[in-house]
């Protein structure tokens, strides 16, 4: 289980790599970035950047954005 990080502290180097290694499989298993952010006490943007830097393929925003034309 991922620990809560204190807000505002810098997470760099090995610690950032370790965090990415903990979060990547959970995100790949279906957890959302928002859920991971809430659990770690960090922002959505922070988690997004950590996953992106780790090369994790990010999911789309979901849902069909185009409607079928009515006949």
N, C-alpha and C. Protein backbone atom coordinates (compact mmCIF):
# COMPACT_ATOMS: atom_id res chain seq x y z
N UNK A 1 0.85 -1.18 0.00
CA UNK A 1 0.00 0.00 0.00
C UNK A 1 0.89 1.24 0.00
N UNK A 2 0.50 2.21 -0.78
CA UNK A 2 1.27 3.44 -0.91
C UNK A 2 1.09 4.32 0.32
N UNK A 3 2.18 4.89 0.76
CA UNK A 3 2.12 5.76 1.93
C UNK A 3 1.65 7.15 1.54
N UNK A 4 1.10 7.88 2.49
CA UNK A 4 0.71 9.26 2.26
C UNK A 4 1.96 10.12 2.31
N UNK A 5 2.13 10.96 1.32
CA UNK A 5 3.29 11.84 1.25
C UNK A 5 2.89 13.22 1.75
N UNK A 6 3.81 13.88 2.43
CA UNK A 6 3.46 15.21 2.91
C UNK A 6 3.44 16.18 1.73
N UNK A 7 2.40 16.97 1.70
CA UNK A 7 2.17 17.89 0.59
C UNK A 7 3.25 18.96 0.57
N UNK A 8 3.72 19.24 -0.64
CA UNK A 8 4.71 20.31 -0.80
C UNK A 8 6.15 19.85 -0.73
N UNK A 9 6.40 18.63 -0.27
CA UNK A 9 7.78 18.15 -0.24
C UNK A 9 8.17 17.66 -1.62
N UNK A 10 9.42 17.85 -1.95
CA UNK A 10 9.90 17.41 -3.26
C UNK A 10 10.14 15.91 -3.23
N UNK A 11 9.70 15.26 -4.30
CA UNK A 11 9.93 13.83 -4.45
C UNK A 11 10.77 13.68 -5.72
N UNK A 12 12.04 13.36 -5.53
CA UNK A 12 12.97 13.30 -6.66
C UNK A 12 13.81 12.03 -6.61
N UNK A 13 14.51 11.79 -7.68
CA UNK A 13 15.47 10.71 -7.75
C UNK A 13 14.89 9.34 -7.48
N UNK A 14 15.58 8.61 -6.61
CA UNK A 14 15.21 7.23 -6.32
C UNK A 14 13.82 7.14 -5.68
N UNK A 15 13.48 8.12 -4.86
CA UNK A 15 12.17 8.11 -4.21
C UNK A 15 11.04 8.25 -5.23
N UNK A 16 11.26 9.09 -6.23
CA UNK A 16 10.27 9.28 -7.29
C UNK A 16 10.14 8.01 -8.13
N UNK A 17 11.26 7.38 -8.43
CA UNK A 17 11.26 6.14 -9.19
C UNK A 17 10.54 5.03 -8.43
N UNK A 18 10.78 4.97 -7.12
CA UNK A 18 10.12 3.97 -6.29
C UNK A 18 8.61 4.22 -6.25
N UNK A 19 8.20 5.47 -6.13
CA UNK A 19 6.78 5.81 -6.11
C UNK A 19 6.13 5.41 -7.44
N UNK A 20 6.80 5.70 -8.55
CA UNK A 20 6.28 5.33 -9.86
C UNK A 20 6.12 3.81 -9.97
N UNK A 21 7.07 3.07 -9.43
CA UNK A 21 7.01 1.61 -9.46
C UNK A 21 5.84 1.08 -8.62
N UNK A 22 5.47 1.79 -7.57
CA UNK A 22 4.33 1.39 -6.74
C UNK A 22 3.00 1.74 -7.40
N UNK A 23 2.95 2.91 -8.06
CA UNK A 23 1.69 3.40 -8.62
C UNK A 23 1.37 2.81 -9.99
N UNK A 24 2.38 2.54 -10.80
CA UNK A 24 2.16 2.08 -12.18
C UNK A 24 1.31 0.82 -12.26
N UNK A 25 1.61 -0.24 -11.50
CA UNK A 25 0.76 -1.44 -11.62
C UNK A 25 -0.67 -1.22 -11.14
N UNK A 26 -0.83 -0.36 -10.17
CA UNK A 26 -2.19 -0.07 -9.67
C UNK A 26 -2.99 0.68 -10.72
N UNK A 27 -2.34 1.64 -11.40
CA UNK A 27 -3.02 2.38 -12.46
C UNK A 27 -3.35 1.43 -13.61
N UNK A 28 -2.40 0.57 -13.96
CA UNK A 28 -2.61 -0.40 -15.04
C UNK A 28 -3.74 -1.38 -14.70
N UNK A 29 -3.94 -1.64 -13.41
CA UNK A 29 -5.00 -2.56 -12.97
C UNK A 29 -6.37 -1.89 -12.95
N UNK A 30 -6.42 -0.57 -13.19
CA UNK A 30 -7.71 0.09 -13.30
C UNK A 30 -7.98 1.22 -12.32
N UNK A 31 -7.10 1.43 -11.35
CA UNK A 31 -7.33 2.55 -10.42
C UNK A 31 -7.14 3.87 -11.17
N UNK A 32 -7.88 4.87 -10.78
CA UNK A 32 -7.79 6.16 -11.46
C UNK A 32 -6.68 7.02 -10.86
N UNK A 33 -6.25 8.00 -11.63
CA UNK A 33 -5.25 8.94 -11.15
C UNK A 33 -5.81 9.68 -9.94
N UNK A 34 -7.09 10.03 -9.97
CA UNK A 34 -7.71 10.74 -8.84
C UNK A 34 -7.67 9.89 -7.57
N UNK A 35 -7.96 8.60 -7.70
CA UNK A 35 -7.90 7.71 -6.53
C UNK A 35 -6.49 7.63 -5.96
N UNK A 36 -5.51 7.50 -6.85
CA UNK A 36 -4.11 7.42 -6.41
C UNK A 36 -3.68 8.73 -5.76
N UNK A 37 -4.13 9.85 -6.31
CA UNK A 37 -3.79 11.16 -5.74
C UNK A 37 -4.39 11.31 -4.35
N UNK A 38 -5.64 10.90 -4.19
CA UNK A 38 -6.30 11.03 -2.89
C UNK A 38 -5.61 10.16 -1.84
N UNK A 39 -5.19 8.97 -2.23
CA UNK A 39 -4.56 8.07 -1.28
C UNK A 39 -3.16 8.53 -0.87
N UNK A 40 -2.42 9.10 -1.81
CA UNK A 40 -1.06 9.54 -1.50
C UNK A 40 -1.00 10.94 -0.92
N UNK A 41 -2.11 11.69 -1.03
CA UNK A 41 -2.11 13.06 -0.52
C UNK A 41 -1.43 14.04 -1.45
N UNK A 42 -1.24 13.63 -2.70
CA UNK A 42 -0.63 14.52 -3.70
C UNK A 42 -1.68 14.94 -4.72
N UNK A 43 -1.32 15.86 -5.59
CA UNK A 43 -2.27 16.37 -6.57
C UNK A 43 -2.40 15.43 -7.77
N UNK A 44 -3.48 15.63 -8.49
CA UNK A 44 -3.72 14.89 -9.74
C UNK A 44 -2.53 15.09 -10.69
N UNK A 45 -2.12 16.34 -10.84
CA UNK A 45 -1.02 16.67 -11.76
C UNK A 45 0.29 15.99 -11.38
N UNK A 46 0.56 15.90 -10.09
CA UNK A 46 1.78 15.24 -9.63
C UNK A 46 1.77 13.77 -10.03
N UNK A 47 0.66 13.08 -9.74
CA UNK A 47 0.55 11.66 -10.06
C UNK A 47 0.61 11.45 -11.57
N UNK A 48 -0.08 12.30 -12.31
CA UNK A 48 -0.06 12.23 -13.77
C UNK A 48 1.38 12.33 -14.28
N UNK A 49 2.12 13.30 -13.78
CA UNK A 49 3.50 13.49 -14.23
C UNK A 49 4.40 12.33 -13.85
N UNK A 50 4.24 11.78 -12.65
CA UNK A 50 5.04 10.64 -12.22
C UNK A 50 4.79 9.45 -13.15
N UNK A 51 3.52 9.18 -13.44
CA UNK A 51 3.19 8.05 -14.32
C UNK A 51 3.71 8.29 -15.74
N UNK A 52 3.56 9.51 -16.22
CA UNK A 52 4.02 9.83 -17.57
C UNK A 52 5.55 9.71 -17.68
N UNK A 53 6.27 10.21 -16.68
CA UNK A 53 7.72 10.12 -16.66
C UNK A 53 8.20 8.67 -16.62
N UNK A 54 7.38 7.81 -15.99
CA UNK A 54 7.74 6.39 -15.88
C UNK A 54 7.40 5.61 -17.15
N UNK A 55 6.79 6.28 -18.13
CA UNK A 55 6.46 5.63 -19.39
C UNK A 55 5.21 4.78 -19.34
N UNK A 56 4.36 5.03 -18.35
CA UNK A 56 3.12 4.28 -18.22
C UNK A 56 2.13 4.76 -19.29
N UNK A 57 1.54 3.84 -20.08
CA UNK A 57 0.54 4.28 -21.05
C UNK A 57 -0.72 4.76 -20.34
N UNK A 58 -1.07 6.02 -20.55
CA UNK A 58 -2.21 6.61 -19.87
C UNK A 58 -3.49 6.37 -20.65
N UNK A 59 -4.56 6.12 -19.93
CA UNK A 59 -5.86 5.87 -20.54
C UNK A 59 -6.46 7.19 -21.02
N UNK A 60 -7.38 7.08 -21.97
CA UNK A 60 -8.12 8.25 -22.45
C UNK A 60 -9.11 8.70 -21.39
N UNK A 61 -9.78 9.78 -21.65
CA UNK A 61 -10.72 10.33 -20.68
C UNK A 61 -12.01 9.53 -20.60
N UNK A 62 -12.21 8.64 -21.53
CA UNK A 62 -13.37 7.75 -21.46
C UNK A 62 -14.62 8.32 -22.08
N UNK A 63 -15.49 7.42 -22.43
CA UNK A 63 -16.78 7.82 -22.98
C UNK A 63 -16.69 8.22 -24.44
N UNK A 64 -17.75 7.95 -25.16
CA UNK A 64 -17.84 8.35 -26.55
C UNK A 64 -18.23 9.82 -26.60
N UNK A 65 -17.46 10.60 -27.30
CA UNK A 65 -17.72 12.04 -27.32
C UNK A 65 -18.59 12.44 -28.51
N UNK A 66 -18.87 11.52 -29.39
CA UNK A 66 -19.71 11.83 -30.56
C UNK A 66 -21.03 11.10 -30.44
N UNK A 67 -22.07 11.81 -30.75
CA UNK A 67 -23.41 11.20 -30.69
C UNK A 67 -23.80 10.67 -32.05
N UNK A 68 -24.61 9.65 -32.03
CA UNK A 68 -25.13 9.12 -33.28
C UNK A 68 -26.14 10.13 -33.84
N UNK A 69 -26.13 10.23 -35.14
CA UNK A 69 -27.11 11.11 -35.78
C UNK A 69 -28.48 10.44 -35.73
N UNK A 70 -29.48 11.17 -35.35
CA UNK A 70 -30.82 10.60 -35.31
C UNK A 70 -31.39 10.55 -36.72
N UNK A 71 -32.11 9.49 -37.01
CA UNK A 71 -32.66 9.29 -38.36
C UNK A 71 -33.96 10.01 -38.54
